[in-house]
Amino acid sequence: MPVMAMPMATRAELGKPMGPNPAHFRFSLGEAKLTILSDGFFSLPTSGLGVNADPAEVQAFLEQHFLSPTEGYSHTNHLVIEIGDAVVLVDVGSGDRFLPTAGELMGNLSDAGI
């Protein structure tokens, strides 16, 4: 019986979205109306990750999970829960004190009609 060669694993590195981060999206869970709102995004060096861990282990973890070894990229999203007349914002966002690519929460709350 012929031996079949296994295909080489392809590295699929996660990257930034092709377009802008959606300002918000909604869904429901039982009686609750849930809205996820963008506060923007941020990108920071990975040198600040795992500061109490062996740097080689941190790099191996990033590599294993197809993440950049040098740049960490994250969206900052926040949750609004509406049940009846009650409206709760979970996390107030970063405002204008974090990075210029974040601090979009108040405008996105308004755009979502909240």
PDB file of N, CA and C in Angstrom:
ATOM      1  N   MET A   1       0.854  -1.168   0.000  1.00  0.00           N
ATOM      2  CA  MET A   1       0.000   0.000   0.000  1.00  0.00           C
ATOM      3  C   MET A   1       0.905   1.238   0.000  1.00  0.00           C
ATOM      4  N   PRO A   2       0.643   2.213  -0.886  1.00  0.00           N
ATOM      5  CA  PRO A   2       1.504   3.407  -0.954  1.00  0.00           C
ATOM      6  C   PRO A   2       1.334   4.280   0.283  1.00  0.00           C
ATOM      7  N   VAL A   3       2.416   4.925   0.676  1.00  0.00           N
ATOM      8  CA  VAL A   3       2.388   5.850   1.804  1.00  0.00           C
ATOM      9  C   VAL A   3       1.996   7.224   1.277  1.00  0.00           C
ATOM     10  N   MET A   4       0.996   7.824   1.917  1.00  0.00           N
ATOM     11  CA  MET A   4       0.542   9.151   1.474  1.00  0.00           C
ATOM     12  C   MET A   4       1.235  10.214   2.308  1.00  0.00           C
ATOM     13  N   ALA A   5       1.722  11.219   1.656  1.00  0.00           N
ATOM     14  CA  ALA A   5       2.379  12.324   2.359  1.00  0.00           C
ATOM     15  C   ALA A   5       1.319  13.238   2.963  1.00  0.00           C
ATOM     16  N   MET A   6       1.556  13.634   4.200  1.00  0.00           N
ATOM     17  CA  MET A   6       0.646  14.574   4.856  1.00  0.00           C
ATOM     18  C   MET A   6       0.986  15.992   4.389  1.00  0.00           C
ATOM     19  N   PRO A   7      -0.020  16.805   4.117  1.00  0.00           N
ATOM     20  CA  PRO A   7       0.272  18.182   3.692  1.00  0.00           C
ATOM     21  C   PRO A   7       0.934  18.965   4.821  1.00  0.00           C
ATOM     22  N   MET A   8       1.762  19.913   4.440  1.00  0.00           N
ATOM     23  CA  MET A   8       2.420  20.781   5.415  1.00  0.00           C
ATOM     24  C   MET A   8       1.373  21.684   6.063  1.00  0.00           C
ATOM     25  N   ALA A   9       1.506  21.895   7.360  1.00  0.00           N
ATOM     26  CA  ALA A   9       0.595  22.809   8.057  1.00  0.00           C
ATOM     27  C   ALA A   9       0.858  24.225   7.570  1.00  0.00           C
ATOM     28  N   THR A  10      -0.200  24.953   7.336  1.00  0.00           N
ATOM     29  CA  THR A  10      -0.086  26.333   6.884  1.00  0.00           C
ATOM     30  C   THR A  10      -0.279  27.260   8.068  1.00  0.00           C
ATOM     31  N   ARG A  11       0.599  28.211   8.189  1.00  0.00           N
ATOM     32  CA  ARG A  11       0.484  29.187   9.272  1.00  0.00           C
ATOM     33  C   ARG A  11      -0.572  30.207   8.892  1.00  0.00           C
ATOM     34  N   ALA A  12      -1.597  30.327   9.716  1.00  0.00           N
ATOM     35  CA  ALA A  12      -2.693  31.258   9.471  1.00  0.00           C
ATOM     36  C   ALA A  12      -2.661  32.323  10.552  1.00  0.00           C
ATOM     37  N   GLU A  13      -1.796  33.287  10.400  1.00  0.00           N
ATOM     38  CA  GLU A  13      -1.649  34.317  11.422  1.00  0.00           C
ATOM     39  C   GLU A  13      -2.875  35.228  11.457  1.00  0.00           C
ATOM     40  N   LEU A  14      -3.374  35.467  12.670  1.00  0.00           N
ATOM     41  CA  LEU A  14      -4.509  36.359  12.824  1.00  0.00           C
ATOM     42  C   LEU A  14      -4.084  37.779  12.504  1.00  0.00           C
ATOM     43  N   GLY A  15      -4.949  38.502  11.857  1.00  0.00           N
ATOM     44  CA  GLY A  15      -4.606  39.867  11.496  1.00  0.00           C
ATOM     45  C   GLY A  15      -5.735  40.832  11.759  1.00  0.00           C
ATOM     46  N   LYS A  16      -5.500  42.074  11.468  1.00  0.00           N
ATOM     47  CA  LYS A  16      -6.492  43.125  11.637  1.00  0.00           C
ATOM     48  C   LYS A  16      -7.634  42.904  10.643  1.00  0.00           C
ATOM     49  N   PRO A  17      -8.829  43.390  10.961  1.00  0.00           N
ATOM     50  CA  PRO A  17      -9.944  43.206  10.031  1.00  0.00           C
ATOM     51  C   PRO A  17      -9.699  43.957   8.733  1.00  0.00           C
ATOM     52  N   MET A  18     -10.342  43.504   7.693  1.00  0.00           N
ATOM     53  CA  MET A  18     -10.176  44.142   6.388  1.00  0.00           C
ATOM     54  C   MET A  18     -10.855  45.513   6.341  1.00  0.00           C
ATOM     55  N   GLY A  19     -11.905  45.685   7.109  1.00  0.00           N
ATOM     56  CA  GLY A  19     -12.620  46.953   7.147  1.00  0.00           C
ATOM     57  C   GLY A  19     -12.673  47.466   8.563  1.00  0.00           C
ATOM     58  N   PRO A  20     -13.472  48.500   8.776  1.00  0.00           N
ATOM     59  CA  PRO A  20     -13.570  49.052  10.128  1.00  0.00           C
ATOM     60  C   PRO A  20     -14.268  48.077  11.076  1.00  0.00           C
ATOM     61  N   ASN A  21     -13.938  48.185  12.347  1.00  0.00           N
ATOM     62  CA  ASN A  21     -14.596  47.387  13.375  1.00  0.00           C
ATOM     63  C   ASN A  21     -16.056  47.834  13.439  1.00  0.00           C
ATOM     64  N   PRO A  22     -17.030  46.885  13.389  1.00  0.00           N
ATOM     65  CA  PRO A  22     -18.425  47.313  13.487  1.00  0.00           C
ATOM     66  C   PRO A  22     -18.658  48.099  14.778  1.00  0.00           C
ATOM     67  N   ALA A  23     -19.443  49.157  14.697  1.00  0.00           N
ATOM     68  CA  ALA A  23     -19.699  49.998  15.858  1.00  0.00           C
ATOM     69  C   ALA A  23     -20.480  49.257  16.931  1.00  0.00           C
ATOM     70  N   HIS A  24     -21.410  48.388  16.514  1.00  0.00           N
ATOM     71  CA  HIS A  24     -22.187  47.618  17.484  1.00  0.00           C
ATOM     72  C   HIS A  24     -22.913  46.472  16.783  1.00  0.00           C
ATOM     73  N   PHE A  25     -23.303  45.480  17.572  1.00  0.00           N
ATOM     74  CA  PHE A  25     -24.248  44.471  17.094  1.00  0.00           C
ATOM     75  C   PHE A  25     -25.088  44.002  18.261  1.00  0.00           C
ATOM     76  N   ARG A  26     -26.294  43.538  17.935  1.00  0.00           N
ATOM     77  CA  ARG A  26     -27.272  43.182  18.965  1.00  0.00           C
ATOM     78  C   ARG A  26     -27.719  41.741  18.819  1.00  0.00           C
ATOM     79  N   PHE A  27     -28.102  41.171  19.965  1.00  0.00           N
ATOM     80  CA  PHE A  27     -28.746  39.870  19.987  1.00  0.00           C
ATOM     81  C   PHE A  27     -29.521  39.775  21.291  1.00  0.00           C
ATOM     82  N   SER A  28     -30.349  38.759  21.421  1.00  0.00           N
ATOM     83  CA  SER A  28     -31.128  38.622  22.647  1.00  0.00           C
ATOM     84  C   SER A  28     -30.847  37.278  23.288  1.00  0.00           C
ATOM     85  N   LEU A  29     -31.085  37.254  24.585  1.00  0.00           N
ATOM     86  CA  LEU A  29     -30.945  36.036  25.377  1.00  0.00           C
ATOM     87  C   LEU A  29     -32.111  36.050  26.354  1.00  0.00           C
ATOM     88  N   GLY A  30     -33.135  35.247  26.056  1.00  0.00           N
ATOM     89  CA  GLY A  30     -34.349  35.311  26.862  1.00  0.00           C
ATOM     90  C   GLY A  30     -34.954  36.695  26.761  1.00  0.00           C
ATOM     91  N   GLU A  31     -35.227  37.320  27.898  1.00  0.00           N
ATOM     92  CA  GLU A  31     -35.811  38.669  27.939  1.00  0.00           C
ATOM     93  C   GLU A  31     -34.771  39.771  27.737  1.00  0.00           C
ATOM     94  N   ALA A  32     -33.532  39.431  27.830  1.00  0.00           N
ATOM     95  CA  ALA A  32     -32.469  40.446  27.768  1.00  0.00           C
ATOM     96  C   ALA A  32     -32.112  40.793  26.329  1.00  0.00           C
ATOM     97  N   LYS A  33     -32.011  42.095  26.070  1.00  0.00           N
ATOM     98  CA  LYS A  33     -31.477  42.579  24.798  1.00  0.00           C
ATOM     99  C   LYS A  33     -30.022  42.949  25.073  1.00  0.00           C
ATOM    100  N   LEU A  34     -29.104  42.351  24.339  1.00  0.00           N
ATOM    101  CA  LEU A  34     -27.672  42.564  24.555  1.00  0.00           C
ATOM    102  C   LEU A  34     -27.082  43.286  23.353  1.00  0.00           C
ATOM    103  N   THR A  35     -26.271  44.290  23.636  1.00  0.00           N
ATOM    104  CA  THR A  35     -25.593  45.043  22.586  1.00  0.00           C
ATOM    105  C   THR A  35     -24.105  45.057  22.888  1.00  0.00           C
ATOM    106  N   ILE A  36     -23.324  44.634  21.922  1.00  0.00           N
ATOM    107  CA  ILE A  36     -21.870  44.722  22.021  1.00  0.00           C
ATOM    108  C   ILE A  36     -21.454  45.983  21.269  1.00  0.00           C
ATOM    109  N   LEU A  37     -20.706  46.839  21.960  1.00  0.00           N
ATOM    110  CA  LEU A  37     -20.284  48.117  21.378  1.00  0.00           C
ATOM    111  C   LEU A  37     -18.767  48.194  21.298  1.00  0.00           C
ATOM    112  N   SER A  38     -18.290  48.698  20.199  1.00  0.00           N
ATOM    113  CA  SER A  38     -16.847  48.893  20.034  1.00  0.00           C
ATOM    114  C   SER A  38     -16.395  50.159  20.735  1.00  0.00           C
ATOM    115  N   ASP A  39     -15.245  50.065  21.383  1.00  0.00           N
ATOM    116  CA  ASP A  39     -14.565  51.252  21.905  1.00  0.00           C
ATOM    117  C   ASP A  39     -13.317  51.525  21.060  1.00  0.00           C
ATOM    118  N   GLY A  40     -13.139  50.763  19.985  1.00  0.00           N
ATOM    119  CA  GLY A  40     -11.978  50.912  19.115  1.00  0.00           C
ATOM    120  C   GLY A  40     -11.081  49.692  19.203  1.00  0.00           C
ATOM    121  N   PHE A  41      -9.803  49.907  19.003  1.00  0.00           N
ATOM    122  CA  PHE A  41      -8.839  48.808  19.053  1.00  0.00           C
ATOM    123  C   PHE A  41      -7.522  49.343  19.576  1.00  0.00           C
ATOM    124  N   PHE A  42      -6.621  48.430  19.883  1.00  0.00           N
ATOM    125  CA  PHE A  42      -5.283  48.852  20.265  1.00  0.00           C
ATOM    126  C   PHE A  42      -4.273  47.802  19.825  1.00  0.00           C
ATOM    127  N   SER A  43      -3.076  48.264  19.663  1.00  0.00           N
ATOM    128  CA  SER A  43      -1.961  47.410  19.284  1.00  0.00           C
ATOM    129  C   SER A  43      -0.783  47.791  20.172  1.00  0.00           C
ATOM    130  N   LEU A  44      -0.263  46.799  20.882  1.00  0.00           N
ATOM    131  CA  LEU A  44       0.856  47.034  21.793  1.00  0.00           C
ATOM    132  C   LEU A  44       1.925  45.975  21.574  1.00  0.00           C
ATOM    133  N   PRO A  45       3.172  46.272  21.902  1.00  0.00           N
ATOM    134  CA  PRO A  45       4.232  45.269  21.768  1.00  0.00           C
ATOM    135  C   PRO A  45       3.970  44.058  22.668  1.00  0.00           C
ATOM    136  N   THR A  46       4.330  42.882  22.207  1.00  0.00           N
ATOM    137  CA  THR A  46       4.144  41.671  23.005  1.00  0.00           C
ATOM    138  C   THR A  46       5.152  41.573  24.143  1.00  0.00           C
ATOM    139  N   SER A  47       6.085  42.491  24.215  1.00  0.00           N
ATOM    140  CA  SER A  47       7.075  42.455  25.298  1.00  0.00           C
ATOM    141  C   SER A  47       6.416  42.638  26.667  1.00  0.00           C
ATOM    142  N   GLY A  48       5.186  43.160  26.706  1.00  0.00           N
ATOM    143  CA  GLY A  48       4.487  43.338  27.965  1.00  0.00           C
ATOM    144  C   GLY A  48       3.646  42.132  28.371  1.00  0.00           C
ATOM    145  N   LEU A  49       3.670  41.065  27.578  1.00  0.00           N
ATOM    146  CA  LEU A  49       2.898  39.867  27.896  1.00  0.00           C
ATOM    147  C   LEU A  49       3.720  38.893  28.728  1.00  0.00           C
ATOM    148  N   GLY A  50       3.079  38.225  29.650  1.00  0.00           N
ATOM    149  CA  GLY A  50       3.741  37.170  30.420  1.00  0.00           C
ATOM    150  C   GLY A  50       5.004  37.636  31.115  1.00  0.00           C
ATOM    151  N   VAL A  51       4.963  38.780  31.774  1.00  0.00           N
ATOM    152  CA  VAL A  51       6.173  39.348  32.362  1.00  0.00           C
ATOM    153  C   VAL A  51       6.779  38.464  33.449  1.00  0.00           C
ATOM    154  N   ASN A  52       6.002  37.553  34.029  1.00  0.00           N
ATOM    155  CA  ASN A  52       6.530  36.636  35.045  1.00  0.00           C
ATOM    156  C   ASN A  52       6.875  35.270  34.466  1.00  0.00           C
ATOM    157  N   ALA A  53       6.792  35.145  33.165  1.00  0.00           N
ATOM    158  CA  ALA A  53       7.067  33.860  32.511  1.00  0.00           C
ATOM    159  C   ALA A  53       8.389  33.936  31.750  1.00  0.00           C
ATOM    160  N   ASP A  54       8.922  32.794  31.448  1.00  0.00           N
ATOM    161  CA  ASP A  54      10.133  32.703  30.634  1.00  0.00           C
ATOM    162  C   ASP A  54       9.810  33.290  29.251  1.00  0.00           C
ATOM    163  N   PRO A  55      10.573  34.278  28.782  1.00  0.00           N
ATOM    164  CA  PRO A  55      10.292  34.893  27.485  1.00  0.00           C
ATOM    165  C   PRO A  55      10.214  33.878  26.332  1.00  0.00           C
ATOM    166  N   ALA A  56      11.000  32.820  26.390  1.00  0.00           N
ATOM    167  CA  ALA A  56      10.944  31.796  25.346  1.00  0.00           C
ATOM    168  C   ALA A  56       9.590  31.078  25.365  1.00  0.00           C
ATOM    169  N   GLU A  57       9.037  30.868  26.567  1.00  0.00           N
ATOM    170  CA  GLU A  57       7.722  30.235  26.672  1.00  0.00           C
ATOM    171  C   GLU A  57       6.626  31.147  26.118  1.00  0.00           C
ATOM    172  N   VAL A  58       6.752  32.440  26.377  1.00  0.00           N
ATOM    173  CA  VAL A  58       5.777  33.392  25.853  1.00  0.00           C
ATOM    174  C   VAL A  58       5.819  33.370  24.325  1.00  0.00           C
ATOM    175  N   GLN A  59       7.004  33.429  23.762  1.00  0.00           N
ATOM    176  CA  GLN A  59       7.131  33.404  22.309  1.00  0.00           C
ATOM    177  C   GLN A  59       6.605  32.093  21.725  1.00  0.00           C
ATOM    178  N   ALA A  60       6.873  30.974  22.393  1.00  0.00           N
ATOM    179  CA  ALA A  60       6.375  29.677  21.929  1.00  0.00           C
ATOM    180  C   ALA A  60       4.847  29.655  21.963  1.00  0.00           C
ATOM    181  N   PHE A  61       4.248  30.222  23.019  1.00  0.00           N
ATOM    182  CA  PHE A  61       2.792  30.282  23.118  1.00  0.00           C
ATOM    183  C   PHE A  61       2.209  31.090  21.959  1.00  0.00           C
ATOM    184  N   LEU A  62       2.781  32.267  21.693  1.00  0.00           N
ATOM    185  CA  LEU A  62       2.297  33.111  20.599  1.00  0.00           C
ATOM    186  C   LEU A  62       2.400  32.378  19.270  1.00  0.00           C
ATOM    187  N   GLU A  63       3.529  31.738  19.039  1.00  0.00           N
ATOM    188  CA  GLU A  63       3.745  30.979  17.801  1.00  0.00           C
ATOM    189  C   GLU A  63       2.727  29.846  17.676  1.00  0.00           C
ATOM    190  N   GLN A  64       2.521  29.110  18.751  1.00  0.00           N
ATOM    191  CA  GLN A  64       1.595  27.968  18.751  1.00  0.00           C
ATOM    192  C   GLN A  64       0.171  28.408  18.431  1.00  0.00           C
ATOM    193  N   HIS A  65      -0.191  29.626  18.823  1.00  0.00           N
ATOM    194  CA  HIS A  65      -1.545  30.121  18.607  1.00  0.00           C
ATOM    195  C   HIS A  65      -1.635  31.090  17.420  1.00  0.00           C
ATOM    196  N   PHE A  66      -0.632  31.062  16.551  1.00  0.00           N
ATOM    197  CA  PHE A  66      -0.620  31.836  15.310  1.00  0.00           C
ATOM    198  C   PHE A  66      -0.750  33.337  15.552  1.00  0.00           C
ATOM    199  N   LEU A  67      -0.124  33.806  16.628  1.00  0.00           N
ATOM    200  CA  LEU A  67      -0.136  35.222  16.960  1.00  0.00           C
ATOM    201  C   LEU A  67       1.212  35.843  16.659  1.00  0.00           C
ATOM    202  N   SER A  68       1.209  37.110  16.365  1.00  0.00           N
ATOM    203  CA  SER A  68       2.452  37.817  16.065  1.00  0.00           C
ATOM    204  C   SER A  68       3.383  37.760  17.272  1.00  0.00           C
ATOM    205  N   PRO A  69       4.658  37.477  17.056  1.00  0.00           N
ATOM    206  CA  PRO A  69       5.604  37.466  18.172  1.00  0.00           C
ATOM    207  C   PRO A  69       6.007  38.869  18.619  1.00  0.00           C
ATOM    208  N   THR A  70       5.634  39.895  17.883  1.00  0.00           N
ATOM    209  CA  THR A  70       6.074  41.245  18.211  1.00  0.00           C
ATOM    210  C   THR A  70       4.945  42.220  18.521  1.00  0.00           C
ATOM    211  N   GLU A  71       3.750  42.009  17.950  1.00  0.00           N
ATOM    212  CA  GLU A  71       2.675  42.981  18.093  1.00  0.00           C
ATOM    213  C   GLU A  71       1.378  42.292  18.521  1.00  0.00           C
ATOM    214  N   GLY A  72       0.795  42.760  19.630  1.00  0.00           N
ATOM    215  CA  GLY A  72      -0.499  42.261  20.069  1.00  0.00           C
ATOM    216  C   GLY A  72      -1.589  43.198  19.588  1.00  0.00           C
ATOM    217  N   TYR A  73      -2.650  42.649  19.026  1.00  0.00           N
ATOM    218  CA  TYR A  73      -3.737  43.449  18.470  1.00  0.00           C
ATOM    219  C   TYR A  73      -5.044  43.004  19.104  1.00  0.00           C
ATOM    220  N   SER A  74      -5.843  43.936  19.608  1.00  0.00           N
ATOM    221  CA  SER A  74      -7.116  43.594  20.238  1.00  0.00           C
ATOM    222  C   SER A  74      -8.161  44.665  19.976  1.00  0.00           C
ATOM    223  N   HIS A  75      -9.390  44.203  19.806  1.00  0.00           N
ATOM    224  CA  HIS A  75     -10.536  45.111  19.800  1.00  0.00           C
ATOM    225  C   HIS A  75     -10.951  45.323  21.243  1.00  0.00           C
ATOM    226  N   THR A  76     -11.476  46.483  21.553  1.00  0.00           N
ATOM    227  CA  THR A  76     -12.032  46.711  22.880  1.00  0.00           C
ATOM    228  C   THR A  76     -13.539  46.851  22.719  1.00  0.00           C
ATOM    229  N   ASN A  77     -14.256  45.845  23.199  1.00  0.00           N
ATOM    230  CA  ASN A  77     -15.702  45.799  23.074  1.00  0.00           C
ATOM    231  C   ASN A  77     -16.339  45.767  24.452  1.00  0.00           C
ATOM    232  N   HIS A  78     -17.521  46.344  24.557  1.00  0.00           N
ATOM    233  CA  HIS A  78     -18.217  46.467  25.825  1.00  0.00           C
ATOM    234  C   HIS A  78     -19.669  46.052  25.656  1.00  0.00           C
ATOM    235  N   LEU A  79     -20.293  45.661  26.758  1.00  0.00           N
ATOM    236  CA  LEU A  79     -21.626  45.082  26.735  1.00  0.00           C
ATOM    237  C   LEU A  79     -22.643  46.005  27.387  1.00  0.00           C
ATOM    238  N   VAL A  80     -23.797  46.165  26.726  1.00  0.00           N
ATOM    239  CA  VAL A  80     -24.953  46.827  27.315  1.00  0.00           C
ATOM    240  C   VAL A  80     -26.044  45.773  27.442  1.00  0.00           C
ATOM    241  N   ILE A  81     -26.608  45.660  28.647  1.00  0.00           N
ATOM    242  CA  ILE A  81     -27.686  44.711  28.925  1.00  0.00           C
ATOM    243  C   ILE A  81     -28.955  45.513  29.177  1.00  0.00           C
ATOM    244  N   GLU A  82     -30.017  45.201  28.442  1.00  0.00           N
ATOM    245  CA  GLU A  82     -31.303  45.869  28.631  1.00  0.00           C
ATOM    246  C   GLU A  82     -32.354  44.817  28.945  1.00  0.00           C
ATOM    247  N   ILE A  83     -32.983  44.964  30.112  1.00  0.00           N
ATOM    248  CA  ILE A  83     -34.087  44.097  30.514  1.00  0.00           C
ATOM    249  C   ILE A  83     -35.194  45.021  31.022  1.00  0.00           C
ATOM    250  N   GLY A  84     -36.280  45.088  30.294  1.00  0.00           N
ATOM    251  CA  GLY A  84     -37.346  46.025  30.655  1.00  0.00           C
ATOM    252  C   GLY A  84     -36.823  47.446  30.605  1.00  0.00           C
ATOM    253  N   ASP A  85     -37.017  48.199  31.691  1.00  0.00           N
ATOM    254  CA  ASP A  85     -36.535  49.587  31.755  1.00  0.00           C
ATOM    255  C   ASP A  85     -35.096  49.684  32.239  1.00  0.00           C
ATOM    256  N   ALA A  86     -34.517  48.578  32.700  1.00  0.00           N
ATOM    257  CA  ALA A  86     -33.151  48.597  33.231  1.00  0.00           C
ATOM    258  C   ALA A  86     -32.138  48.529  32.090  1.00  0.00           C
ATOM    259  N   VAL A  87     -31.149  49.413  32.143  1.00  0.00           N
ATOM    260  CA  VAL A  87     -30.058  49.440  31.159  1.00  0.00           C
ATOM    261  C   VAL A  87     -28.747  49.475  31.929  1.00  0.00           C
ATOM    262  N   VAL A  88     -27.876  48.486  31.667  1.00  0.00           N
ATOM    263  CA  VAL A  88     -26.604  48.393  32.379  1.00  0.00           C
ATOM    264  C   VAL A  88     -25.466  48.358  31.362  1.00  0.00           C
ATOM    265  N   LEU A  89     -24.509  49.258  31.521  1.00  0.00           N
ATOM    266  CA  LEU A  89     -23.288  49.243  30.721  1.00  0.00           C
ATOM    267  C   LEU A  89     -22.220  48.516  31.524  1.00  0.00           C
ATOM    268  N   VAL A  90     -21.682  47.453  30.952  1.00  0.00           N
ATOM    269  CA  VAL A  90     -20.625  46.688  31.618  1.00  0.00           C
ATOM    270  C   VAL A  90     -19.295  47.198  31.070  1.00  0.00           C
ATOM    271  N   ASP A  91     -18.550  47.926  31.880  1.00  0.00           N
ATOM    272  CA  ASP A  91     -17.253  48.522  31.545  1.00  0.00           C
ATOM    273  C   ASP A  91     -17.475  49.845  30.815  1.00  0.00           C
ATOM    274  N   VAL A  92     -16.847  50.872  31.297  1.00  0.00           N
ATOM    275  CA  VAL A  92     -17.061  52.221  30.762  1.00  0.00           C
ATOM    276  C   VAL A  92     -16.092  52.604  29.646  1.00  0.00           C
ATOM    277  N   GLY A  93     -15.273  51.684  29.194  1.00  0.00           N
ATOM    278  CA  GLY A  93     -14.366  51.986  28.102  1.00  0.00           C
ATOM    279  C   GLY A  93     -13.144  52.763  28.550  1.00  0.00           C
ATOM    280  N   SER A  94     -12.382  53.224  27.581  1.00  0.00           N
ATOM    281  CA  SER A  94     -11.107  53.862  27.904  1.00  0.00           C
ATOM    282  C   SER A  94     -11.128  55.377  27.728  1.00  0.00           C
ATOM    283  N   GLY A  95     -12.202  55.921  27.206  1.00  0.00           N
ATOM    284  CA  GLY A  95     -12.231  57.371  27.016  1.00  0.00           C
ATOM    285  C   GLY A  95     -11.094  57.832  26.118  1.00  0.00           C
ATOM    286  N   ASP A  96     -10.635  59.046  26.317  1.00  0.00           N
ATOM    287  CA  ASP A  96      -9.570  59.589  25.469  1.00  0.00           C
ATOM    288  C   ASP A  96      -8.203  59.511  26.145  1.00  0.00           C
ATOM    289  N   ARG A  97      -8.066  58.646  27.161  1.00  0.00           N
ATOM    290  CA  ARG A  97      -6.820  58.596  27.924  1.00  0.00           C
ATOM    291  C   ARG A  97      -5.960  57.381  27.621  1.00  0.00           C
ATOM    292  N   PHE A  98      -6.341  56.554  26.680  1.00  0.00           N
ATOM    293  CA  PHE A  98      -5.599  55.314  26.452  1.00  0.00           C
ATOM    294  C   PHE A  98      -4.747  55.425  25.194  1.00  0.00           C
ATOM    295  N   LEU A  99      -5.327  55.163  24.061  1.00  0.00           N
ATOM    296  CA  LEU A  99      -4.628  55.258  22.778  1.00  0.00           C
ATOM    297  C   LEU A  99      -5.536  55.968  21.780  1.00  0.00           C
ATOM    298  N   PRO A 100      -4.972  56.598  20.753  1.00  0.00           N
ATOM    299  CA  PRO A 100      -5.815  57.327  19.801  1.00  0.00           C
ATOM    300  C   PRO A 100      -6.758  56.420  18.994  1.00  0.00           C
ATOM    301  N   THR A 101      -6.529  55.109  19.000  1.00  0.00           N
ATOM    302  CA  THR A 101      -7.395  54.184  18.268  1.00  0.00           C
ATOM    303  C   THR A 101      -8.533  53.645  19.122  1.00  0.00           C
ATOM    304  N   ALA A 102      -8.610  54.070  20.382  1.00  0.00           N
ATOM    305  CA  ALA A 102      -9.687  53.662  21.293  1.00  0.00           C
ATOM    306  C   ALA A 102     -10.465  54.912  21.705  1.00  0.00           C
ATOM    307  N   GLY A 103     -11.422  54.745  22.613  1.00  0.00           N
ATOM    308  CA  GLY A 103     -12.207  55.878  23.076  1.00  0.00           C
ATOM    309  C   GLY A 103     -13.414  56.170  22.209  1.00  0.00           C
ATOM    310  N   GLU A 104     -13.925  55.176  21.496  1.00  0.00           N
ATOM    311  CA  GLU A 104     -15.057  55.359  20.592  1.00  0.00           C
ATOM    312  C   GLU A 104     -16.393  54.983  21.224  1.00  0.00           C
ATOM    313  N   LEU A 105     -16.392  54.564  22.496  1.00  0.00           N
ATOM    314  CA  LEU A 105     -17.595  54.016  23.112  1.00  0.00           C
ATOM    315  C   LEU A 105     -18.756  55.014  23.144  1.00  0.00           C
ATOM    316  N   MET A 106     -18.540  56.236  23.578  1.00  0.00           N
ATOM    317  CA  MET A 106     -19.647  57.187  23.709  1.00  0.00           C
ATOM    318  C   MET A 106     -20.320  57.448  22.359  1.00  0.00           C
ATOM    319  N   GLY A 107     -19.547  57.644  21.327  1.00  0.00           N
ATOM    320  CA  GLY A 107     -20.126  57.848  19.991  1.00  0.00           C
ATOM    321  C   GLY A 107     -20.873  56.621  19.504  1.00  0.00           C
ATOM    322  N   ASN A 108     -20.347  55.432  19.786  1.00  0.00           N
ATOM    323  CA  ASN A 108     -20.997  54.214  19.346  1.00  0.00           C
ATOM    324  C   ASN A 108     -22.246  53.912  20.167  1.00  0.00           C
ATOM    325  N   LEU A 109     -22.278  54.310  21.438  1.00  0.00           N
ATOM    326  CA  LEU A 109     -23.510  54.221  22.225  1.00  0.00           C
ATOM    327  C   LEU A 109     -24.595  55.076  21.566  1.00  0.00           C
ATOM    328  N   SER A 110     -24.238  56.290  21.194  1.00  0.00           N
ATOM    329  CA  SER A 110     -25.189  57.198  20.546  1.00  0.00           C
ATOM    330  C   SER A 110     -25.665  56.625  19.208  1.00  0.00           C
ATOM    331  N   ASP A 111     -24.730  56.130  18.408  1.00  0.00           N
ATOM    332  CA  ASP A 111     -25.085  55.540  17.105  1.00  0.00           C
ATOM    333  C   ASP A 111     -26.023  54.339  17.268  1.00  0.00           C
ATOM    334  N   ALA A 112     -25.898  53.616  18.377  1.00  0.00           N
ATOM    335  CA  ALA A 112     -26.746  52.452  18.627  1.00  0.00           C
ATOM    336  C   ALA A 112     -28.080  52.857  19.252  1.00  0.00           C
ATOM    337  N   GLY A 113     -28.281  54.158  19.512  1.00  0.00           N
ATOM    338  CA  GLY A 113     -29.524  54.624  20.089  1.00  0.00           C
ATOM    339  C   GLY A 113     -29.643  54.390  21.584  1.00  0.00           C
ATOM    340  N   ILE A 114     -28.514  54.233  22.235  1.00  0.00           N
ATOM    341  CA  ILE A 114     -28.507  53.999  23.684  1.00  0.00           C
ATOM    342  C   ILE A 114     -28.075  55.270  24.393  1.00  0.00           C
TER     343      ILE A 114
END
